[in-house]
Structures are given as C-alpha cells and as structure tokens.
Amino acid sequence: MEEFRIMWKRYDDKFECIIGYLTYDENWEFSYDEEGYEIASKIGFVTFPEFPDTTQTYQSETLFKTFANRIRNSERLTEPEKIEMLKLTNGILATDNISITTNPTKERRKTYGTN
C-alpha cells in the first residue's frame, strides 16, 4: 500500500499541517485529517471541491482529479507511474500551497505547529 500525507501551508508564514491522507492499494482513497482540517479551516483552508464532506472517505479506481492535475500528462500514466511522479514532485504547483508527501513513519505523526 502507498500512503501520502496532504499538507497545507498558510501563505503568509511557515505554518503547515496535515489536512488529509491519500492512499493507494488497487484503489485510491482520500480522507481528511479531522484535527488538521479543523485547525487549517480556521486560518484559511477551504475544502477541495471534489471532496466537500470532511467526514467521508472517498474512493476511486483512478487518481482523483484534484491530485492528478498535479502531475504533467497524468492521463497517459498508469497508476503506479502516477505514484512515482507524486513521490518525485510532491505534487507541488506554483499556484497554491498544497503538497503531497510520503508518510515516512509507521505512525501517522501529526505536526501542526502553532498558529
């Protein structure tokens, strides 16, 4: 299973937190991190349009558009290739403050900093 953390960084400072988790195990799943979302939503984060319900776990056979749009030519790649591209690029776009990182710890350690 592949596991990624979805990170959000506030524009005006270095505050960063985990807002969700993206996993792949023959299907993709996305869910918000309840605590991270709660904190981030108070200081500027707005839910992704593709995932409006913060209590739901979303599932798909292919990478969700919200994240596929972060990979150049993603429509031409297999799911394993998309995973590798997310690992290489962290899904970073110059136009927003979201990054997709691998979860290096066995525990889902949360670092929220201070706001």
N, C-alpha and C. Protein backbone atom coordinates (compact mmCIF):
# COMPACT_ATOMS: atom_id res chain seq x y z
N MET A 1 0.84 -1.18 0.00
CA MET A 1 0.00 0.00 0.00
C MET A 1 0.88 1.24 0.00
N GLU A 2 0.49 2.22 -0.78
CA GLU A 2 1.18 3.50 -0.83
C GLU A 2 0.38 4.51 -0.02
N GLU A 3 1.07 5.32 0.75
CA GLU A 3 0.41 6.26 1.63
C GLU A 3 1.06 7.64 1.51
N PHE A 4 0.23 8.66 1.35
CA PHE A 4 0.69 10.04 1.23
C PHE A 4 -0.03 10.92 2.24
N ARG A 5 0.67 11.95 2.69
CA ARG A 5 0.05 12.99 3.51
C ARG A 5 -0.22 14.19 2.61
N ILE A 6 -1.38 14.78 2.76
CA ILE A 6 -1.70 16.00 2.04
C ILE A 6 -1.46 17.15 3.02
N MET A 7 -0.51 18.00 2.66
CA MET A 7 -0.08 19.08 3.53
C MET A 7 -0.61 20.42 3.00
N TRP A 8 -0.99 21.31 3.91
CA TRP A 8 -1.41 22.66 3.56
C TRP A 8 -0.52 23.64 4.32
N LYS A 9 -0.06 24.65 3.59
CA LYS A 9 0.80 25.67 4.20
C LYS A 9 0.13 27.03 4.03
N ARG A 10 0.03 27.76 5.13
CA ARG A 10 -0.55 29.10 5.07
C ARG A 10 0.39 30.00 4.29
N TYR A 11 -0.18 30.86 3.43
CA TYR A 11 0.62 31.71 2.55
C TYR A 11 1.54 32.67 3.29
N ASP A 12 1.07 33.27 4.36
CA ASP A 12 1.79 34.38 4.96
C ASP A 12 2.86 34.01 5.98
N ASP A 13 3.01 32.74 6.29
CA ASP A 13 4.05 32.34 7.23
C ASP A 13 4.42 30.87 6.98
N LYS A 14 5.09 30.28 7.90
CA LYS A 14 5.55 28.92 7.70
C LYS A 14 4.65 27.87 8.35
N PHE A 15 3.47 28.27 8.82
CA PHE A 15 2.56 27.31 9.44
C PHE A 15 2.14 26.26 8.41
N GLU A 16 2.28 25.00 8.77
CA GLU A 16 1.95 23.89 7.88
C GLU A 16 1.29 22.77 8.67
N CYS A 17 0.31 22.11 8.07
CA CYS A 17 -0.31 20.99 8.77
C CYS A 17 -0.82 19.94 7.78
N ILE A 18 -1.02 18.76 8.31
CA ILE A 18 -1.61 17.66 7.55
C ILE A 18 -3.11 17.91 7.48
N ILE A 19 -3.65 17.97 6.26
CA ILE A 19 -5.10 18.14 6.14
C ILE A 19 -5.79 16.87 5.66
N GLY A 20 -5.01 15.90 5.17
CA GLY A 20 -5.65 14.67 4.70
C GLY A 20 -4.65 13.59 4.36
N TYR A 21 -5.21 12.45 3.99
CA TYR A 21 -4.41 11.28 3.62
C TYR A 21 -4.90 10.73 2.29
N LEU A 22 -3.96 10.37 1.45
CA LEU A 22 -4.24 9.75 0.15
C LEU A 22 -3.53 8.41 0.15
N THR A 23 -4.26 7.34 -0.13
CA THR A 23 -3.65 6.01 -0.16
C THR A 23 -4.01 5.31 -1.46
N TYR A 24 -3.15 4.36 -1.82
CA TYR A 24 -3.42 3.52 -3.00
C TYR A 24 -3.12 2.08 -2.65
N ASP A 25 -4.12 1.23 -2.83
CA ASP A 25 -3.99 -0.21 -2.64
C ASP A 25 -4.99 -0.85 -3.60
N GLU A 26 -4.66 -0.82 -4.89
CA GLU A 26 -5.51 -1.23 -6.01
C GLU A 26 -6.62 -0.23 -6.29
N ASN A 27 -7.00 0.59 -5.33
CA ASN A 27 -7.91 1.72 -5.50
C ASN A 27 -7.36 2.88 -4.68
N TRP A 28 -7.73 4.10 -5.07
CA TRP A 28 -7.32 5.29 -4.35
C TRP A 28 -8.35 5.62 -3.28
N GLU A 29 -7.88 6.14 -2.16
CA GLU A 29 -8.75 6.64 -1.11
C GLU A 29 -8.22 7.98 -0.62
N PHE A 30 -9.15 8.89 -0.35
CA PHE A 30 -8.78 10.16 0.26
C PHE A 30 -9.69 10.42 1.44
N SER A 31 -9.12 10.88 2.52
CA SER A 31 -9.90 11.32 3.68
C SER A 31 -9.19 12.48 4.33
N TYR A 32 -9.99 13.37 4.91
CA TYR A 32 -9.42 14.50 5.64
C TYR A 32 -8.93 14.04 7.01
N ASP A 33 -7.90 14.70 7.49
CA ASP A 33 -7.45 14.53 8.87
C ASP A 33 -8.31 15.48 9.70
N GLU A 34 -9.10 14.93 10.61
CA GLU A 34 -10.07 15.74 11.35
C GLU A 34 -9.43 16.90 12.10
N GLU A 35 -8.38 16.63 12.84
CA GLU A 35 -7.73 17.67 13.63
C GLU A 35 -7.04 18.70 12.74
N GLY A 36 -6.31 18.23 11.74
CA GLY A 36 -5.63 19.14 10.83
C GLY A 36 -6.60 20.01 10.06
N TYR A 37 -7.70 19.42 9.59
CA TYR A 37 -8.70 20.21 8.87
C TYR A 37 -9.30 21.27 9.79
N GLU A 38 -9.62 20.87 11.00
CA GLU A 38 -10.22 21.80 11.97
C GLU A 38 -9.33 23.04 12.17
N ILE A 39 -8.05 22.81 12.35
CA ILE A 39 -7.10 23.91 12.56
C ILE A 39 -6.96 24.75 11.28
N ALA A 40 -6.71 24.08 10.16
CA ALA A 40 -6.46 24.79 8.90
C ALA A 40 -7.68 25.58 8.44
N SER A 41 -8.88 25.04 8.65
CA SER A 41 -10.08 25.74 8.19
C SER A 41 -10.31 27.05 8.96
N LYS A 42 -9.77 27.14 10.16
CA LYS A 42 -9.91 28.37 10.95
C LYS A 42 -8.97 29.47 10.49
N ILE A 43 -7.96 29.09 9.72
CA ILE A 43 -6.97 30.10 9.30
C ILE A 43 -6.80 30.18 7.78
N GLY A 44 -7.83 29.70 7.04
CA GLY A 44 -7.80 29.95 5.60
C GLY A 44 -7.99 28.77 4.67
N PHE A 45 -7.83 27.54 5.14
CA PHE A 45 -8.01 26.40 4.24
C PHE A 45 -9.49 26.19 3.94
N VAL A 46 -9.80 25.91 2.67
CA VAL A 46 -11.15 25.60 2.24
C VAL A 46 -11.12 24.20 1.62
N THR A 47 -12.15 23.41 1.87
CA THR A 47 -12.17 22.03 1.35
C THR A 47 -11.95 22.02 -0.16
N PHE A 48 -11.41 20.91 -0.64
CA PHE A 48 -11.28 20.71 -2.08
C PHE A 48 -12.69 20.52 -2.65
N PRO A 49 -13.02 21.14 -3.79
CA PRO A 49 -14.35 20.98 -4.37
C PRO A 49 -14.72 19.51 -4.62
N GLU A 50 -13.75 18.70 -4.96
CA GLU A 50 -14.00 17.28 -5.23
C GLU A 50 -14.33 16.50 -3.95
N PHE A 51 -13.97 17.06 -2.81
CA PHE A 51 -14.17 16.38 -1.52
C PHE A 51 -14.85 17.33 -0.52
N PRO A 52 -16.13 17.64 -0.71
CA PRO A 52 -16.78 18.63 0.14
C PRO A 52 -17.09 18.16 1.56
N ASP A 53 -17.30 16.85 1.74
CA ASP A 53 -17.67 16.31 3.06
C ASP A 53 -16.41 15.86 3.78
N THR A 54 -16.07 16.57 4.84
CA THR A 54 -14.81 16.28 5.55
C THR A 54 -14.88 15.02 6.40
N THR A 55 -16.05 14.43 6.54
CA THR A 55 -16.18 13.21 7.35
C THR A 55 -16.21 11.94 6.50
N GLN A 56 -16.22 12.09 5.19
CA GLN A 56 -16.33 10.95 4.28
C GLN A 56 -14.96 10.47 3.81
N THR A 57 -14.86 9.17 3.53
CA THR A 57 -13.69 8.62 2.85
C THR A 57 -14.09 8.41 1.40
N TYR A 58 -13.36 9.05 0.51
CA TYR A 58 -13.65 8.99 -0.93
C TYR A 58 -12.81 7.90 -1.57
N GLN A 59 -13.39 7.19 -2.54
CA GLN A 59 -12.69 6.09 -3.21
C GLN A 59 -12.82 6.23 -4.72
N SER A 60 -11.78 5.77 -5.43
CA SER A 60 -11.77 5.82 -6.88
C SER A 60 -10.79 4.79 -7.43
N GLU A 61 -11.09 4.27 -8.62
CA GLU A 61 -10.17 3.34 -9.28
C GLU A 61 -8.98 4.09 -9.87
N THR A 62 -9.17 5.35 -10.23
CA THR A 62 -8.09 6.17 -10.78
C THR A 62 -7.82 7.34 -9.84
N LEU A 63 -6.64 7.91 -9.96
CA LEU A 63 -6.26 9.03 -9.11
C LEU A 63 -7.26 10.18 -9.27
N PHE A 64 -7.72 10.71 -8.17
CA PHE A 64 -8.68 11.80 -8.16
C PHE A 64 -8.13 12.98 -8.95
N LYS A 65 -9.02 13.70 -9.66
CA LYS A 65 -8.59 14.85 -10.47
C LYS A 65 -7.86 15.90 -9.66
N THR A 66 -8.29 16.10 -8.42
CA THR A 66 -7.64 17.09 -7.55
C THR A 66 -6.14 16.84 -7.47
N PHE A 67 -5.74 15.58 -7.45
CA PHE A 67 -4.32 15.24 -7.33
C PHE A 67 -3.70 14.90 -8.68
N ALA A 68 -4.47 14.34 -9.61
CA ALA A 68 -3.96 14.03 -10.94
C ALA A 68 -3.54 15.30 -11.68
N ASN A 69 -4.24 16.40 -11.41
CA ASN A 69 -3.89 17.68 -12.05
C ASN A 69 -2.52 18.19 -11.63
N ARG A 70 -1.94 17.59 -10.62
CA ARG A 70 -0.62 17.98 -10.12
C ARG A 70 0.51 17.21 -10.82
N ILE A 71 0.12 16.33 -11.74
CA ILE A 71 1.09 15.52 -12.47
C ILE A 71 0.94 15.82 -13.97
N ARG A 72 2.03 16.21 -14.58
CA ARG A 72 2.01 16.52 -16.01
C ARG A 72 1.65 15.26 -16.81
N ASN A 73 0.71 15.41 -17.74
CA ASN A 73 0.27 14.32 -18.61
C ASN A 73 -0.20 13.08 -17.84
N SER A 74 -0.87 13.29 -16.72
CA SER A 74 -1.27 12.16 -15.88
C SER A 74 -2.21 11.20 -16.58
N GLU A 75 -2.97 11.70 -17.54
CA GLU A 75 -3.91 10.82 -18.25
C GLU A 75 -3.20 9.74 -19.06
N ARG A 76 -1.92 9.92 -19.32
CA ARG A 76 -1.15 8.94 -20.10
C ARG A 76 -0.40 7.94 -19.21
N LEU A 77 -0.46 8.14 -17.90
CA LEU A 77 0.32 7.31 -16.98
C LEU A 77 -0.53 6.22 -16.33
N THR A 78 0.12 5.14 -15.99
CA THR A 78 -0.54 4.09 -15.21
C THR A 78 -0.61 4.55 -13.75
N GLU A 79 -1.38 3.89 -12.94
CA GLU A 79 -1.48 4.26 -11.53
C GLU A 79 -0.11 4.13 -10.83
N PRO A 80 0.66 3.06 -11.06
CA PRO A 80 1.99 3.01 -10.45
C PRO A 80 2.91 4.16 -10.89
N GLU A 81 2.79 4.58 -12.15
CA GLU A 81 3.59 5.71 -12.63
C GLU A 81 3.16 7.01 -11.95
N LYS A 82 1.86 7.15 -11.72
CA LYS A 82 1.36 8.34 -11.02
C LYS A 82 1.92 8.38 -9.60
N ILE A 83 1.97 7.24 -8.95
CA ILE A 83 2.53 7.16 -7.60
C ILE A 83 3.97 7.64 -7.60
N GLU A 84 4.75 7.16 -8.55
CA GLU A 84 6.16 7.56 -8.63
C GLU A 84 6.31 9.05 -8.90
N MET A 85 5.44 9.60 -9.75
CA MET A 85 5.51 11.03 -10.04
C MET A 85 5.14 11.86 -8.80
N LEU A 86 4.17 11.41 -8.03
CA LEU A 86 3.83 12.13 -6.79
C LEU A 86 5.01 12.10 -5.83
N LYS A 87 5.69 10.96 -5.76
CA LYS A 87 6.85 10.85 -4.88
C LYS A 87 7.97 11.79 -5.33
N LEU A 88 8.18 11.90 -6.64
CA LEU A 88 9.25 12.73 -7.18
C LEU A 88 8.97 14.23 -7.06
N THR A 89 7.71 14.62 -7.29
CA THR A 89 7.38 16.04 -7.38
C THR A 89 6.68 16.60 -6.14
N ASN A 90 6.22 15.73 -5.26
CA ASN A 90 5.40 16.13 -4.10
C ASN A 90 4.13 16.86 -4.52
N GLY A 91 3.75 16.72 -5.78
CA GLY A 91 2.52 17.32 -6.26
C GLY A 91 2.47 18.83 -6.10
N ILE A 92 3.62 19.46 -6.08
CA ILE A 92 3.68 20.91 -5.83
C ILE A 92 3.37 21.68 -7.11
N LEU A 93 2.49 22.68 -6.97
CA LEU A 93 2.19 23.61 -8.05
C LEU A 93 2.59 25.01 -7.59
N ALA A 94 3.00 25.83 -8.53
CA ALA A 94 3.39 27.20 -8.19
C ALA A 94 2.18 28.05 -7.80
N THR A 95 0.99 27.57 -8.11
CA THR A 95 -0.23 28.36 -7.92
C THR A 95 -0.96 28.13 -6.61
N ASP A 96 -0.49 27.22 -5.77
CA ASP A 96 -1.17 27.01 -4.49
C ASP A 96 -0.21 26.58 -3.39
N ASN A 97 -0.74 26.21 -2.25
CA ASN A 97 0.08 25.90 -1.09
C ASN A 97 -0.19 24.49 -0.55
N ILE A 98 -0.40 23.57 -1.46
CA ILE A 98 -0.64 22.16 -1.13
C ILE A 98 0.58 21.36 -1.57
N SER A 99 0.95 20.37 -0.76
CA SER A 99 1.98 19.42 -1.19
C SER A 99 1.54 18.02 -0.78
N ILE A 100 2.06 17.04 -1.49
CA ILE A 100 1.72 15.64 -1.26
C ILE A 100 3.02 14.93 -0.91
N THR A 101 3.12 14.44 0.30
CA THR A 101 4.37 13.82 0.73
C THR A 101 4.13 12.39 1.20
N THR A 102 5.17 11.60 1.12
CA THR A 102 5.05 10.25 1.65
C THR A 102 5.09 10.31 3.16
N ASN A 103 4.53 9.33 3.77
CA ASN A 103 4.48 9.28 5.23
C ASN A 103 5.62 8.38 5.70
N PRO A 104 6.72 8.96 6.17
CA PRO A 104 7.90 8.16 6.48
C PRO A 104 7.82 7.38 7.79
N THR A 105 6.80 7.66 8.60
CA THR A 105 6.72 6.95 9.88
C THR A 105 5.60 5.93 9.85
N LYS A 106 5.73 4.90 10.65
CA LYS A 106 4.67 3.90 10.73
C LYS A 106 3.43 4.47 11.38
N GLU A 107 3.64 5.39 12.31
CA GLU A 107 2.52 6.08 12.95
C GLU A 107 2.24 7.32 12.13
N ARG A 108 1.01 7.74 12.09
CA ARG A 108 0.67 8.96 11.39
C ARG A 108 0.91 10.13 12.34
N ARG A 109 2.18 10.48 12.47
CA ARG A 109 2.56 11.56 13.37
C ARG A 109 2.06 12.88 12.82
N LYS A 110 1.52 13.69 13.68
CA LYS A 110 0.96 14.96 13.25
C LYS A 110 1.78 16.12 13.82
N THR A 111 2.13 17.05 12.96
CA THR A 111 2.81 18.25 13.43
C THR A 111 2.01 19.42 12.93
N TYR A 112 1.46 20.18 13.83
CA TYR A 112 0.61 21.30 13.44
C TYR A 112 1.25 22.65 13.69
N GLY A 113 2.37 22.68 14.35
CA GLY A 113 3.00 23.97 14.61
C GLY A 113 2.11 24.81 15.51
N THR A 114 2.30 26.09 15.42
CA THR A 114 1.45 27.00 16.19
C THR A 114 0.87 28.02 15.24
N ASN A 115 -0.30 28.51 15.57
CA ASN A 115 -0.91 29.50 14.68
C ASN A 115 -1.11 30.77 15.34
